[in-house]
Amino acid sequence: SYEGGYKIYILWMVERLYHAAAPKL
């Protein structure tokens, strides 16, 4: 991160994540 602080990712409706995409994460 630019200032060395926390990076926060919010994944909305994660139950709809594609099965093919899940292994990536």
PDBML (XML) file of the C-alpha atoms, coordinates in Angstrom:
<?xml version="1.0" encoding="UTF-8" ?>
<PDBx:datablock datablockName="MODEL"
   xmlns:PDBx="http://pdbml.pdb.org/schema/pdbx-v50.xsd"
   xmlns:xsi="http://www.w3.org/2001/XMLSchema-instance"
   xsi:schemaLocation="http://pdbml.pdb.org/schema/pdbx-v50.xsd pdbx-v50.xsd">
   <PDBx:atom_siteCategory>
      <PDBx:atom_site id="1">
         <PDBx:B_iso_or_equiv>0.00</PDBx:B_iso_or_equiv>
         <PDBx:Cartn_x>0.000</PDBx:Cartn_x>
         <PDBx:Cartn_y>0.000</PDBx:Cartn_y>
         <PDBx:Cartn_z>0.000</PDBx:Cartn_z>
         <PDBx:auth_asym_id>A</PDBx:auth_asym_id>
         <PDBx:auth_atom_id>CA</PDBx:auth_atom_id>
         <PDBx:auth_comp_id>SER</PDBx:auth_comp_id>
         <PDBx:auth_seq_id>1</PDBx:auth_seq_id>
         <PDBx:group_PDB>ATOM</PDBx:group_PDB>
         <PDBx:label_alt_id xsi:nil="true" />
         <PDBx:label_asym_id>A</PDBx:label_asym_id>
         <PDBx:label_atom_id>CA</PDBx:label_atom_id>
         <PDBx:label_comp_id>SER</PDBx:label_comp_id>
         <PDBx:label_entity_id>1</PDBx:label_entity_id>
         <PDBx:label_seq_id>1</PDBx:label_seq_id>
         <PDBx:occupancy>1.00</PDBx:occupancy>
         <PDBx:pdbx_PDB_model_num>1</PDBx:pdbx_PDB_model_num>
         <PDBx:type_symbol>C</PDBx:type_symbol>
      </PDBx:atom_site>
      <PDBx:atom_site id="2">
         <PDBx:B_iso_or_equiv>0.00</PDBx:B_iso_or_equiv>
         <PDBx:Cartn_x>1.115</PDBx:Cartn_x>
         <PDBx:Cartn_y>3.563</PDBx:Cartn_y>
         <PDBx:Cartn_z>-0.803</PDBx:Cartn_z>
         <PDBx:auth_asym_id>A</PDBx:auth_asym_id>
         <PDBx:auth_atom_id>CA</PDBx:auth_atom_id>
         <PDBx:auth_comp_id>TYR</PDBx:auth_comp_id>
         <PDBx:auth_seq_id>2</PDBx:auth_seq_id>
         <PDBx:group_PDB>ATOM</PDBx:group_PDB>
         <PDBx:label_alt_id xsi:nil="true" />
         <PDBx:label_asym_id>A</PDBx:label_asym_id>
         <PDBx:label_atom_id>CA</PDBx:label_atom_id>
         <PDBx:label_comp_id>TYR</PDBx:label_comp_id>
         <PDBx:label_entity_id>1</PDBx:label_entity_id>
         <PDBx:label_seq_id>2</PDBx:label_seq_id>
         <PDBx:occupancy>1.00</PDBx:occupancy>
         <PDBx:pdbx_PDB_model_num>1</PDBx:pdbx_PDB_model_num>
         <PDBx:type_symbol>C</PDBx:type_symbol>
      </PDBx:atom_site>
      <PDBx:atom_site id="3">
         <PDBx:B_iso_or_equiv>0.00</PDBx:B_iso_or_equiv>
         <PDBx:Cartn_x>1.490</PDBx:Cartn_x>
         <PDBx:Cartn_y>4.688</PDBx:Cartn_y>
         <PDBx:Cartn_z>2.816</PDBx:Cartn_z>
         <PDBx:auth_asym_id>A</PDBx:auth_asym_id>
         <PDBx:auth_atom_id>CA</PDBx:auth_atom_id>
         <PDBx:auth_comp_id>GLU</PDBx:auth_comp_id>
         <PDBx:auth_seq_id>3</PDBx:auth_seq_id>
         <PDBx:group_PDB>ATOM</PDBx:group_PDB>
         <PDBx:label_alt_id xsi:nil="true" />
         <PDBx:label_asym_id>A</PDBx:label_asym_id>
         <PDBx:label_atom_id>CA</PDBx:label_atom_id>
         <PDBx:label_comp_id>GLU</PDBx:label_comp_id>
         <PDBx:label_entity_id>1</PDBx:label_entity_id>
         <PDBx:label_seq_id>3</PDBx:label_seq_id>
         <PDBx:occupancy>1.00</PDBx:occupancy>
         <PDBx:pdbx_PDB_model_num>1</PDBx:pdbx_PDB_model_num>
         <PDBx:type_symbol>C</PDBx:type_symbol>
      </PDBx:atom_site>
      <PDBx:atom_site id="4">
         <PDBx:B_iso_or_equiv>0.00</PDBx:B_iso_or_equiv>
         <PDBx:Cartn_x>2.333</PDBx:Cartn_x>
         <PDBx:Cartn_y>1.280</PDBx:Cartn_y>
         <PDBx:Cartn_z>4.252</PDBx:Cartn_z>
         <PDBx:auth_asym_id>A</PDBx:auth_asym_id>
         <PDBx:auth_atom_id>CA</PDBx:auth_atom_id>
         <PDBx:auth_comp_id>GLY</PDBx:auth_comp_id>
         <PDBx:auth_seq_id>4</PDBx:auth_seq_id>
         <PDBx:group_PDB>ATOM</PDBx:group_PDB>
         <PDBx:label_alt_id xsi:nil="true" />
         <PDBx:label_asym_id>A</PDBx:label_asym_id>
         <PDBx:label_atom_id>CA</PDBx:label_atom_id>
         <PDBx:label_comp_id>GLY</PDBx:label_comp_id>
         <PDBx:label_entity_id>1</PDBx:label_entity_id>
         <PDBx:label_seq_id>4</PDBx:label_seq_id>
         <PDBx:occupancy>1.00</PDBx:occupancy>
         <PDBx:pdbx_PDB_model_num>1</PDBx:pdbx_PDB_model_num>
         <PDBx:type_symbol>C</PDBx:type_symbol>
      </PDBx:atom_site>
      <PDBx:atom_site id="5">
         <PDBx:B_iso_or_equiv>0.00</PDBx:B_iso_or_equiv>
         <PDBx:Cartn_x>-1.038</PDBx:Cartn_x>
         <PDBx:Cartn_y>0.925</PDBx:Cartn_y>
         <PDBx:Cartn_z>6.033</PDBx:Cartn_z>
         <PDBx:auth_asym_id>A</PDBx:auth_asym_id>
         <PDBx:auth_atom_id>CA</PDBx:auth_atom_id>
         <PDBx:auth_comp_id>GLY</PDBx:auth_comp_id>
         <PDBx:auth_seq_id>5</PDBx:auth_seq_id>
         <PDBx:group_PDB>ATOM</PDBx:group_PDB>
         <PDBx:label_alt_id xsi:nil="true" />
         <PDBx:label_asym_id>A</PDBx:label_asym_id>
         <PDBx:label_atom_id>CA</PDBx:label_atom_id>
         <PDBx:label_comp_id>GLY</PDBx:label_comp_id>
         <PDBx:label_entity_id>1</PDBx:label_entity_id>
         <PDBx:label_seq_id>5</PDBx:label_seq_id>
         <PDBx:occupancy>1.00</PDBx:occupancy>
         <PDBx:pdbx_PDB_model_num>1</PDBx:pdbx_PDB_model_num>
         <PDBx:type_symbol>C</PDBx:type_symbol>
      </PDBx:atom_site>
      <PDBx:atom_site id="6">
         <PDBx:B_iso_or_equiv>0.00</PDBx:B_iso_or_equiv>
         <PDBx:Cartn_x>-3.653</PDBx:Cartn_x>
         <PDBx:Cartn_y>-1.786</PDBx:Cartn_y>
         <PDBx:Cartn_z>5.858</PDBx:Cartn_z>
         <PDBx:auth_asym_id>A</PDBx:auth_asym_id>
         <PDBx:auth_atom_id>CA</PDBx:auth_atom_id>
         <PDBx:auth_comp_id>TYR</PDBx:auth_comp_id>
         <PDBx:auth_seq_id>6</PDBx:auth_seq_id>
         <PDBx:group_PDB>ATOM</PDBx:group_PDB>
         <PDBx:label_alt_id xsi:nil="true" />
         <PDBx:label_asym_id>A</PDBx:label_asym_id>
         <PDBx:label_atom_id>CA</PDBx:label_atom_id>
         <PDBx:label_comp_id>TYR</PDBx:label_comp_id>
         <PDBx:label_entity_id>1</PDBx:label_entity_id>
         <PDBx:label_seq_id>6</PDBx:label_seq_id>
         <PDBx:occupancy>1.00</PDBx:occupancy>
         <PDBx:pdbx_PDB_model_num>1</PDBx:pdbx_PDB_model_num>
         <PDBx:type_symbol>C</PDBx:type_symbol>
      </PDBx:atom_site>
      <PDBx:atom_site id="7">
         <PDBx:B_iso_or_equiv>0.00</PDBx:B_iso_or_equiv>
         <PDBx:Cartn_x>-5.222</PDBx:Cartn_x>
         <PDBx:Cartn_y>-2.969</PDBx:Cartn_y>
         <PDBx:Cartn_z>2.617</PDBx:Cartn_z>
         <PDBx:auth_asym_id>A</PDBx:auth_asym_id>
         <PDBx:auth_atom_id>CA</PDBx:auth_atom_id>
         <PDBx:auth_comp_id>LYS</PDBx:auth_comp_id>
         <PDBx:auth_seq_id>7</PDBx:auth_seq_id>
         <PDBx:group_PDB>ATOM</PDBx:group_PDB>
         <PDBx:label_alt_id xsi:nil="true" />
         <PDBx:label_asym_id>A</PDBx:label_asym_id>
         <PDBx:label_atom_id>CA</PDBx:label_atom_id>
         <PDBx:label_comp_id>LYS</PDBx:label_comp_id>
         <PDBx:label_entity_id>1</PDBx:label_entity_id>
         <PDBx:label_seq_id>7</PDBx:label_seq_id>
         <PDBx:occupancy>1.00</PDBx:occupancy>
         <PDBx:pdbx_PDB_model_num>1</PDBx:pdbx_PDB_model_num>
         <PDBx:type_symbol>C</PDBx:type_symbol>
      </PDBx:atom_site>
      <PDBx:atom_site id="8">
         <PDBx:B_iso_or_equiv>0.00</PDBx:B_iso_or_equiv>
         <PDBx:Cartn_x>-8.818</PDBx:Cartn_x>
         <PDBx:Cartn_y>-4.071</PDBx:Cartn_y>
         <PDBx:Cartn_z>2.978</PDBx:Cartn_z>
         <PDBx:auth_asym_id>A</PDBx:auth_asym_id>
         <PDBx:auth_atom_id>CA</PDBx:auth_atom_id>
         <PDBx:auth_comp_id>ILE</PDBx:auth_comp_id>
         <PDBx:auth_seq_id>8</PDBx:auth_seq_id>
         <PDBx:group_PDB>ATOM</PDBx:group_PDB>
         <PDBx:label_alt_id xsi:nil="true" />
         <PDBx:label_asym_id>A</PDBx:label_asym_id>
         <PDBx:label_atom_id>CA</PDBx:label_atom_id>
         <PDBx:label_comp_id>ILE</PDBx:label_comp_id>
         <PDBx:label_entity_id>1</PDBx:label_entity_id>
         <PDBx:label_seq_id>8</PDBx:label_seq_id>
         <PDBx:occupancy>1.00</PDBx:occupancy>
         <PDBx:pdbx_PDB_model_num>1</PDBx:pdbx_PDB_model_num>
         <PDBx:type_symbol>C</PDBx:type_symbol>
      </PDBx:atom_site>
      <PDBx:atom_site id="9">
         <PDBx:B_iso_or_equiv>0.00</PDBx:B_iso_or_equiv>
         <PDBx:Cartn_x>-10.729</PDBx:Cartn_x>
         <PDBx:Cartn_y>-6.090</PDBx:Cartn_y>
         <PDBx:Cartn_z>0.386</PDBx:Cartn_z>
         <PDBx:auth_asym_id>A</PDBx:auth_asym_id>
         <PDBx:auth_atom_id>CA</PDBx:auth_atom_id>
         <PDBx:auth_comp_id>TYR</PDBx:auth_comp_id>
         <PDBx:auth_seq_id>9</PDBx:auth_seq_id>
         <PDBx:group_PDB>ATOM</PDBx:group_PDB>
         <PDBx:label_alt_id xsi:nil="true" />
         <PDBx:label_asym_id>A</PDBx:label_asym_id>
         <PDBx:label_atom_id>CA</PDBx:label_atom_id>
         <PDBx:label_comp_id>TYR</PDBx:label_comp_id>
         <PDBx:label_entity_id>1</PDBx:label_entity_id>
         <PDBx:label_seq_id>9</PDBx:label_seq_id>
         <PDBx:occupancy>1.00</PDBx:occupancy>
         <PDBx:pdbx_PDB_model_num>1</PDBx:pdbx_PDB_model_num>
         <PDBx:type_symbol>C</PDBx:type_symbol>
      </PDBx:atom_site>
      <PDBx:atom_site id="10">
         <PDBx:B_iso_or_equiv>0.00</PDBx:B_iso_or_equiv>
         <PDBx:Cartn_x>-14.500</PDBx:Cartn_x>
         <PDBx:Cartn_y>-6.419</PDBx:Cartn_y>
         <PDBx:Cartn_z>0.653</PDBx:Cartn_z>
         <PDBx:auth_asym_id>A</PDBx:auth_asym_id>
         <PDBx:auth_atom_id>CA</PDBx:auth_atom_id>
         <PDBx:auth_comp_id>ILE</PDBx:auth_comp_id>
         <PDBx:auth_seq_id>10</PDBx:auth_seq_id>
         <PDBx:group_PDB>ATOM</PDBx:group_PDB>
         <PDBx:label_alt_id xsi:nil="true" />
         <PDBx:label_asym_id>A</PDBx:label_asym_id>
         <PDBx:label_atom_id>CA</PDBx:label_atom_id>
         <PDBx:label_comp_id>ILE</PDBx:label_comp_id>
         <PDBx:label_entity_id>1</PDBx:label_entity_id>
         <PDBx:label_seq_id>10</PDBx:label_seq_id>
         <PDBx:occupancy>1.00</PDBx:occupancy>
         <PDBx:pdbx_PDB_model_num>1</PDBx:pdbx_PDB_model_num>
         <PDBx:type_symbol>C</PDBx:type_symbol>
      </PDBx:atom_site>
      <PDBx:atom_site id="11">
         <PDBx:B_iso_or_equiv>0.00</PDBx:B_iso_or_equiv>
         <PDBx:Cartn_x>-16.051</PDBx:Cartn_x>
         <PDBx:Cartn_y>-9.241</PDBx:Cartn_y>
         <PDBx:Cartn_z>-1.389</PDBx:Cartn_z>
         <PDBx:auth_asym_id>A</PDBx:auth_asym_id>
         <PDBx:auth_atom_id>CA</PDBx:auth_atom_id>
         <PDBx:auth_comp_id>LEU</PDBx:auth_comp_id>
         <PDBx:auth_seq_id>11</PDBx:auth_seq_id>
         <PDBx:group_PDB>ATOM</PDBx:group_PDB>
         <PDBx:label_alt_id xsi:nil="true" />
         <PDBx:label_asym_id>A</PDBx:label_asym_id>
         <PDBx:label_atom_id>CA</PDBx:label_atom_id>
         <PDBx:label_comp_id>LEU</PDBx:label_comp_id>
         <PDBx:label_entity_id>1</PDBx:label_entity_id>
         <PDBx:label_seq_id>11</PDBx:label_seq_id>
         <PDBx:occupancy>1.00</PDBx:occupancy>
         <PDBx:pdbx_PDB_model_num>1</PDBx:pdbx_PDB_model_num>
         <PDBx:type_symbol>C</PDBx:type_symbol>
      </PDBx:atom_site>
      <PDBx:atom_site id="12">
         <PDBx:B_iso_or_equiv>0.00</PDBx:B_iso_or_equiv>
         <PDBx:Cartn_x>-19.800</PDBx:Cartn_x>
         <PDBx:Cartn_y>-8.782</PDBx:Cartn_y>
         <PDBx:Cartn_z>-1.576</PDBx:Cartn_z>
         <PDBx:auth_asym_id>A</PDBx:auth_asym_id>
         <PDBx:auth_atom_id>CA</PDBx:auth_atom_id>
         <PDBx:auth_comp_id>TRP</PDBx:auth_comp_id>
         <PDBx:auth_seq_id>12</PDBx:auth_seq_id>
         <PDBx:group_PDB>ATOM</PDBx:group_PDB>
         <PDBx:label_alt_id xsi:nil="true" />
         <PDBx:label_asym_id>A</PDBx:label_asym_id>
         <PDBx:label_atom_id>CA</PDBx:label_atom_id>
         <PDBx:label_comp_id>TRP</PDBx:label_comp_id>
         <PDBx:label_entity_id>1</PDBx:label_entity_id>
         <PDBx:label_seq_id>12</PDBx:label_seq_id>
         <PDBx:occupancy>1.00</PDBx:occupancy>
         <PDBx:pdbx_PDB_model_num>1</PDBx:pdbx_PDB_model_num>
         <PDBx:type_symbol>C</PDBx:type_symbol>
      </PDBx:atom_site>
      <PDBx:atom_site id="13">
         <PDBx:B_iso_or_equiv>0.00</PDBx:B_iso_or_equiv>
         <PDBx:Cartn_x>-22.093</PDBx:Cartn_x>
         <PDBx:Cartn_y>-11.834</PDBx:Cartn_y>
         <PDBx:Cartn_z>-1.992</PDBx:Cartn_z>
         <PDBx:auth_asym_id>A</PDBx:auth_asym_id>
         <PDBx:auth_atom_id>CA</PDBx:auth_atom_id>
         <PDBx:auth_comp_id>MET</PDBx:auth_comp_id>
         <PDBx:auth_seq_id>13</PDBx:auth_seq_id>
         <PDBx:group_PDB>ATOM</PDBx:group_PDB>
         <PDBx:label_alt_id xsi:nil="true" />
         <PDBx:label_asym_id>A</PDBx:label_asym_id>
         <PDBx:label_atom_id>CA</PDBx:label_atom_id>
         <PDBx:label_comp_id>MET</PDBx:label_comp_id>
         <PDBx:label_entity_id>1</PDBx:label_entity_id>
         <PDBx:label_seq_id>13</PDBx:label_seq_id>
         <PDBx:occupancy>1.00</PDBx:occupancy>
         <PDBx:pdbx_PDB_model_num>1</PDBx:pdbx_PDB_model_num>
         <PDBx:type_symbol>C</PDBx:type_symbol>
      </PDBx:atom_site>
      <PDBx:atom_site id="14">
         <PDBx:B_iso_or_equiv>0.00</PDBx:B_iso_or_equiv>
         <PDBx:Cartn_x>-19.177</PDBx:Cartn_x>
         <PDBx:Cartn_y>-14.264</PDBx:Cartn_y>
         <PDBx:Cartn_z>-1.788</PDBx:Cartn_z>
         <PDBx:auth_asym_id>A</PDBx:auth_asym_id>
         <PDBx:auth_atom_id>CA</PDBx:auth_atom_id>
         <PDBx:auth_comp_id>VAL</PDBx:auth_comp_id>
         <PDBx:auth_seq_id>14</PDBx:auth_seq_id>
         <PDBx:group_PDB>ATOM</PDBx:group_PDB>
         <PDBx:label_alt_id xsi:nil="true" />
         <PDBx:label_asym_id>A</PDBx:label_asym_id>
         <PDBx:label_atom_id>CA</PDBx:label_atom_id>
         <PDBx:label_comp_id>VAL</PDBx:label_comp_id>
         <PDBx:label_entity_id>1</PDBx:label_entity_id>
         <PDBx:label_seq_id>14</PDBx:label_seq_id>
         <PDBx:occupancy>1.00</PDBx:occupancy>
         <PDBx:pdbx_PDB_model_num>1</PDBx:pdbx_PDB_model_num>
         <PDBx:type_symbol>C</PDBx:type_symbol>
      </PDBx:atom_site>
      <PDBx:atom_site id="15">
         <PDBx:B_iso_or_equiv>0.00</PDBx:B_iso_or_equiv>
         <PDBx:Cartn_x>-21.577</PDBx:Cartn_x>
         <PDBx:Cartn_y>-17.228</PDBx:Cartn_y>
         <PDBx:Cartn_z>-2.005</PDBx:Cartn_z>
         <PDBx:auth_asym_id>A</PDBx:auth_asym_id>
         <PDBx:auth_atom_id>CA</PDBx:auth_atom_id>
         <PDBx:auth_comp_id>GLU</PDBx:auth_comp_id>
         <PDBx:auth_seq_id>15</PDBx:auth_seq_id>
         <PDBx:group_PDB>ATOM</PDBx:group_PDB>
         <PDBx:label_alt_id xsi:nil="true" />
         <PDBx:label_asym_id>A</PDBx:label_asym_id>
         <PDBx:label_atom_id>CA</PDBx:label_atom_id>
         <PDBx:label_comp_id>GLU</PDBx:label_comp_id>
         <PDBx:label_entity_id>1</PDBx:label_entity_id>
         <PDBx:label_seq_id>15</PDBx:label_seq_id>
         <PDBx:occupancy>1.00</PDBx:occupancy>
         <PDBx:pdbx_PDB_model_num>1</PDBx:pdbx_PDB_model_num>
         <PDBx:type_symbol>C</PDBx:type_symbol>
      </PDBx:atom_site>
      <PDBx:atom_site id="16">
         <PDBx:B_iso_or_equiv>0.00</PDBx:B_iso_or_equiv>
         <PDBx:Cartn_x>-21.914</PDBx:Cartn_x>
         <PDBx:Cartn_y>-16.359</PDBx:Cartn_y>
         <PDBx:Cartn_z>-5.715</PDBx:Cartn_z>
         <PDBx:auth_asym_id>A</PDBx:auth_asym_id>
         <PDBx:auth_atom_id>CA</PDBx:auth_atom_id>
         <PDBx:auth_comp_id>ARG</PDBx:auth_comp_id>
         <PDBx:auth_seq_id>16</PDBx:auth_seq_id>
         <PDBx:group_PDB>ATOM</PDBx:group_PDB>
         <PDBx:label_alt_id xsi:nil="true" />
         <PDBx:label_asym_id>A</PDBx:label_asym_id>
         <PDBx:label_atom_id>CA</PDBx:label_atom_id>
         <PDBx:label_comp_id>ARG</PDBx:label_comp_id>
         <PDBx:label_entity_id>1</PDBx:label_entity_id>
         <PDBx:label_seq_id>16</PDBx:label_seq_id>
         <PDBx:occupancy>1.00</PDBx:occupancy>
         <PDBx:pdbx_PDB_model_num>1</PDBx:pdbx_PDB_model_num>
         <PDBx:type_symbol>C</PDBx:type_symbol>
      </PDBx:atom_site>
      <PDBx:atom_site id="17">
         <PDBx:B_iso_or_equiv>0.00</PDBx:B_iso_or_equiv>
         <PDBx:Cartn_x>-18.201</PDBx:Cartn_x>
         <PDBx:Cartn_y>-16.736</PDBx:Cartn_y>
         <PDBx:Cartn_z>-6.375</PDBx:Cartn_z>
         <PDBx:auth_asym_id>A</PDBx:auth_asym_id>
         <PDBx:auth_atom_id>CA</PDBx:auth_atom_id>
         <PDBx:auth_comp_id>LEU</PDBx:auth_comp_id>
         <PDBx:auth_seq_id>17</PDBx:auth_seq_id>
         <PDBx:group_PDB>ATOM</PDBx:group_PDB>
         <PDBx:label_alt_id xsi:nil="true" />
         <PDBx:label_asym_id>A</PDBx:label_asym_id>
         <PDBx:label_atom_id>CA</PDBx:label_atom_id>
         <PDBx:label_comp_id>LEU</PDBx:label_comp_id>
         <PDBx:label_entity_id>1</PDBx:label_entity_id>
         <PDBx:label_seq_id>17</PDBx:label_seq_id>
         <PDBx:occupancy>1.00</PDBx:occupancy>
         <PDBx:pdbx_PDB_model_num>1</PDBx:pdbx_PDB_model_num>
         <PDBx:type_symbol>C</PDBx:type_symbol>
      </PDBx:atom_site>
      <PDBx:atom_site id="18">
         <PDBx:B_iso_or_equiv>0.00</PDBx:B_iso_or_equiv>
         <PDBx:Cartn_x>-17.695</PDBx:Cartn_x>
         <PDBx:Cartn_y>-18.888</PDBx:Cartn_y>
         <PDBx:Cartn_z>-9.457</PDBx:Cartn_z>
         <PDBx:auth_asym_id>A</PDBx:auth_asym_id>
         <PDBx:auth_atom_id>CA</PDBx:auth_atom_id>
         <PDBx:auth_comp_id>TYR</PDBx:auth_comp_id>
         <PDBx:auth_seq_id>18</PDBx:auth_seq_id>
         <PDBx:group_PDB>ATOM</PDBx:group_PDB>
         <PDBx:label_alt_id xsi:nil="true" />
         <PDBx:label_asym_id>A</PDBx:label_asym_id>
         <PDBx:label_atom_id>CA</PDBx:label_atom_id>
         <PDBx:label_comp_id>TYR</PDBx:label_comp_id>
         <PDBx:label_entity_id>1</PDBx:label_entity_id>
         <PDBx:label_seq_id>18</PDBx:label_seq_id>
         <PDBx:occupancy>1.00</PDBx:occupancy>
         <PDBx:pdbx_PDB_model_num>1</PDBx:pdbx_PDB_model_num>
         <PDBx:type_symbol>C</PDBx:type_symbol>
      </PDBx:atom_site>
      <PDBx:atom_site id="19">
         <PDBx:B_iso_or_equiv>0.00</PDBx:B_iso_or_equiv>
         <PDBx:Cartn_x>-16.473</PDBx:Cartn_x>
         <PDBx:Cartn_y>-22.400</PDBx:Cartn_y>
         <PDBx:Cartn_z>-8.635</PDBx:Cartn_z>
         <PDBx:auth_asym_id>A</PDBx:auth_asym_id>
         <PDBx:auth_atom_id>CA</PDBx:auth_atom_id>
         <PDBx:auth_comp_id>HIS</PDBx:auth_comp_id>
         <PDBx:auth_seq_id>19</PDBx:auth_seq_id>
         <PDBx:group_PDB>ATOM</PDBx:group_PDB>
         <PDBx:label_alt_id xsi:nil="true" />
         <PDBx:label_asym_id>A</PDBx:label_asym_id>
         <PDBx:label_atom_id>CA</PDBx:label_atom_id>
         <PDBx:label_comp_id>HIS</PDBx:label_comp_id>
         <PDBx:label_entity_id>1</PDBx:label_entity_id>
         <PDBx:label_seq_id>19</PDBx:label_seq_id>
         <PDBx:occupancy>1.00</PDBx:occupancy>
         <PDBx:pdbx_PDB_model_num>1</PDBx:pdbx_PDB_model_num>
         <PDBx:type_symbol>C</PDBx:type_symbol>
      </PDBx:atom_site>
      <PDBx:atom_site id="20">
         <PDBx:B_iso_or_equiv>0.00</PDBx:B_iso_or_equiv>
         <PDBx:Cartn_x>-13.735</PDBx:Cartn_x>
         <PDBx:Cartn_y>-22.055</PDBx:Cartn_y>
         <PDBx:Cartn_z>-11.233</PDBx:Cartn_z>
         <PDBx:auth_asym_id>A</PDBx:auth_asym_id>
         <PDBx:auth_atom_id>CA</PDBx:auth_atom_id>
         <PDBx:auth_comp_id>ALA</PDBx:auth_comp_id>
         <PDBx:auth_seq_id>20</PDBx:auth_seq_id>
         <PDBx:group_PDB>ATOM</PDBx:group_PDB>
         <PDBx:label_alt_id xsi:nil="true" />
         <PDBx:label_asym_id>A</PDBx:label_asym_id>
         <PDBx:label_atom_id>CA</PDBx:label_atom_id>
         <PDBx:label_comp_id>ALA</PDBx:label_comp_id>
         <PDBx:label_entity_id>1</PDBx:label_entity_id>
         <PDBx:label_seq_id>20</PDBx:label_seq_id>
         <PDBx:occupancy>1.00</PDBx:occupancy>
         <PDBx:pdbx_PDB_model_num>1</PDBx:pdbx_PDB_model_num>
         <PDBx:type_symbol>C</PDBx:type_symbol>
      </PDBx:atom_site>
      <PDBx:atom_site id="21">
         <PDBx:B_iso_or_equiv>0.00</PDBx:B_iso_or_equiv>
         <PDBx:Cartn_x>-12.571</PDBx:Cartn_x>
         <PDBx:Cartn_y>-18.778</PDBx:Cartn_y>
         <PDBx:Cartn_z>-9.662</PDBx:Cartn_z>
         <PDBx:auth_asym_id>A</PDBx:auth_asym_id>
         <PDBx:auth_atom_id>CA</PDBx:auth_atom_id>
         <PDBx:auth_comp_id>ALA</PDBx:auth_comp_id>
         <PDBx:auth_seq_id>21</PDBx:auth_seq_id>
         <PDBx:group_PDB>ATOM</PDBx:group_PDB>
         <PDBx:label_alt_id xsi:nil="true" />
         <PDBx:label_asym_id>A</PDBx:label_asym_id>
         <PDBx:label_atom_id>CA</PDBx:label_atom_id>
         <PDBx:label_comp_id>ALA</PDBx:label_comp_id>
         <PDBx:label_entity_id>1</PDBx:label_entity_id>
         <PDBx:label_seq_id>21</PDBx:label_seq_id>
         <PDBx:occupancy>1.00</PDBx:occupancy>
         <PDBx:pdbx_PDB_model_num>1</PDBx:pdbx_PDB_model_num>
         <PDBx:type_symbol>C</PDBx:type_symbol>
      </PDBx:atom_site>
      <PDBx:atom_site id="22">
         <PDBx:B_iso_or_equiv>0.00</PDBx:B_iso_or_equiv>
         <PDBx:Cartn_x>-12.508</PDBx:Cartn_x>
         <PDBx:Cartn_y>-19.901</PDBx:Cartn_y>
         <PDBx:Cartn_z>-6.027</PDBx:Cartn_z>
         <PDBx:auth_asym_id>A</PDBx:auth_asym_id>
         <PDBx:auth_atom_id>CA</PDBx:auth_atom_id>
         <PDBx:auth_comp_id>ALA</PDBx:auth_comp_id>
         <PDBx:auth_seq_id>22</PDBx:auth_seq_id>
         <PDBx:group_PDB>ATOM</PDBx:group_PDB>
         <PDBx:label_alt_id xsi:nil="true" />
         <PDBx:label_asym_id>A</PDBx:label_asym_id>
         <PDBx:label_atom_id>CA</PDBx:label_atom_id>
         <PDBx:label_comp_id>ALA</PDBx:label_comp_id>
         <PDBx:label_entity_id>1</PDBx:label_entity_id>
         <PDBx:label_seq_id>22</PDBx:label_seq_id>
         <PDBx:occupancy>1.00</PDBx:occupancy>
         <PDBx:pdbx_PDB_model_num>1</PDBx:pdbx_PDB_model_num>
         <PDBx:type_symbol>C</PDBx:type_symbol>
      </PDBx:atom_site>
      <PDBx:atom_site id="23">
         <PDBx:B_iso_or_equiv>0.00</PDBx:B_iso_or_equiv>
         <PDBx:Cartn_x>-9.203</PDBx:Cartn_x>
         <PDBx:Cartn_y>-21.861</PDBx:Cartn_y>
         <PDBx:Cartn_z>-6.211</PDBx:Cartn_z>
         <PDBx:auth_asym_id>A</PDBx:auth_asym_id>
         <PDBx:auth_atom_id>CA</PDBx:auth_atom_id>
         <PDBx:auth_comp_id>PRO</PDBx:auth_comp_id>
         <PDBx:auth_seq_id>23</PDBx:auth_seq_id>
         <PDBx:group_PDB>ATOM</PDBx:group_PDB>
         <PDBx:label_alt_id xsi:nil="true" />
         <PDBx:label_asym_id>A</PDBx:label_asym_id>
         <PDBx:label_atom_id>CA</PDBx:label_atom_id>
         <PDBx:label_comp_id>PRO</PDBx:label_comp_id>
         <PDBx:label_entity_id>1</PDBx:label_entity_id>
         <PDBx:label_seq_id>23</PDBx:label_seq_id>
         <PDBx:occupancy>1.00</PDBx:occupancy>
         <PDBx:pdbx_PDB_model_num>1</PDBx:pdbx_PDB_model_num>
         <PDBx:type_symbol>C</PDBx:type_symbol>
      </PDBx:atom_site>
      <PDBx:atom_site id="24">
         <PDBx:B_iso_or_equiv>0.00</PDBx:B_iso_or_equiv>
         <PDBx:Cartn_x>-7.475</PDBx:Cartn_x>
         <PDBx:Cartn_y>-18.647</PDBx:Cartn_y>
         <PDBx:Cartn_z>-7.282</PDBx:Cartn_z>
         <PDBx:auth_asym_id>A</PDBx:auth_asym_id>
         <PDBx:auth_atom_id>CA</PDBx:auth_atom_id>
         <PDBx:auth_comp_id>LYS</PDBx:auth_comp_id>
         <PDBx:auth_seq_id>24</PDBx:auth_seq_id>
         <PDBx:group_PDB>ATOM</PDBx:group_PDB>
         <PDBx:label_alt_id xsi:nil="true" />
         <PDBx:label_asym_id>A</PDBx:label_asym_id>
         <PDBx:label_atom_id>CA</PDBx:label_atom_id>
         <PDBx:label_comp_id>LYS</PDBx:label_comp_id>
         <PDBx:label_entity_id>1</PDBx:label_entity_id>
         <PDBx:label_seq_id>24</PDBx:label_seq_id>
         <PDBx:occupancy>1.00</PDBx:occupancy>
         <PDBx:pdbx_PDB_model_num>1</PDBx:pdbx_PDB_model_num>
         <PDBx:type_symbol>C</PDBx:type_symbol>
      </PDBx:atom_site>
      <PDBx:atom_site id="25">
         <PDBx:B_iso_or_equiv>0.00</PDBx:B_iso_or_equiv>
         <PDBx:Cartn_x>-8.177</PDBx:Cartn_x>
         <PDBx:Cartn_y>-17.060</PDBx:Cartn_y>
         <PDBx:Cartn_z>-3.898</PDBx:Cartn_z>
         <PDBx:auth_asym_id>A</PDBx:auth_asym_id>
         <PDBx:auth_atom_id>CA</PDBx:auth_atom_id>
         <PDBx:auth_comp_id>LEU</PDBx:auth_comp_id>
         <PDBx:auth_seq_id>25</PDBx:auth_seq_id>
         <PDBx:group_PDB>ATOM</PDBx:group_PDB>
         <PDBx:label_alt_id xsi:nil="true" />
         <PDBx:label_asym_id>A</PDBx:label_asym_id>
         <PDBx:label_atom_id>CA</PDBx:label_atom_id>
         <PDBx:label_comp_id>LEU</PDBx:label_comp_id>
         <PDBx:label_entity_id>1</PDBx:label_entity_id>
         <PDBx:label_seq_id>25</PDBx:label_seq_id>
         <PDBx:occupancy>1.00</PDBx:occupancy>
         <PDBx:pdbx_PDB_model_num>1</PDBx:pdbx_PDB_model_num>
         <PDBx:type_symbol>C</PDBx:type_symbol>
      </PDBx:atom_site>
   </PDBx:atom_siteCategory>
</PDBx:datablock>
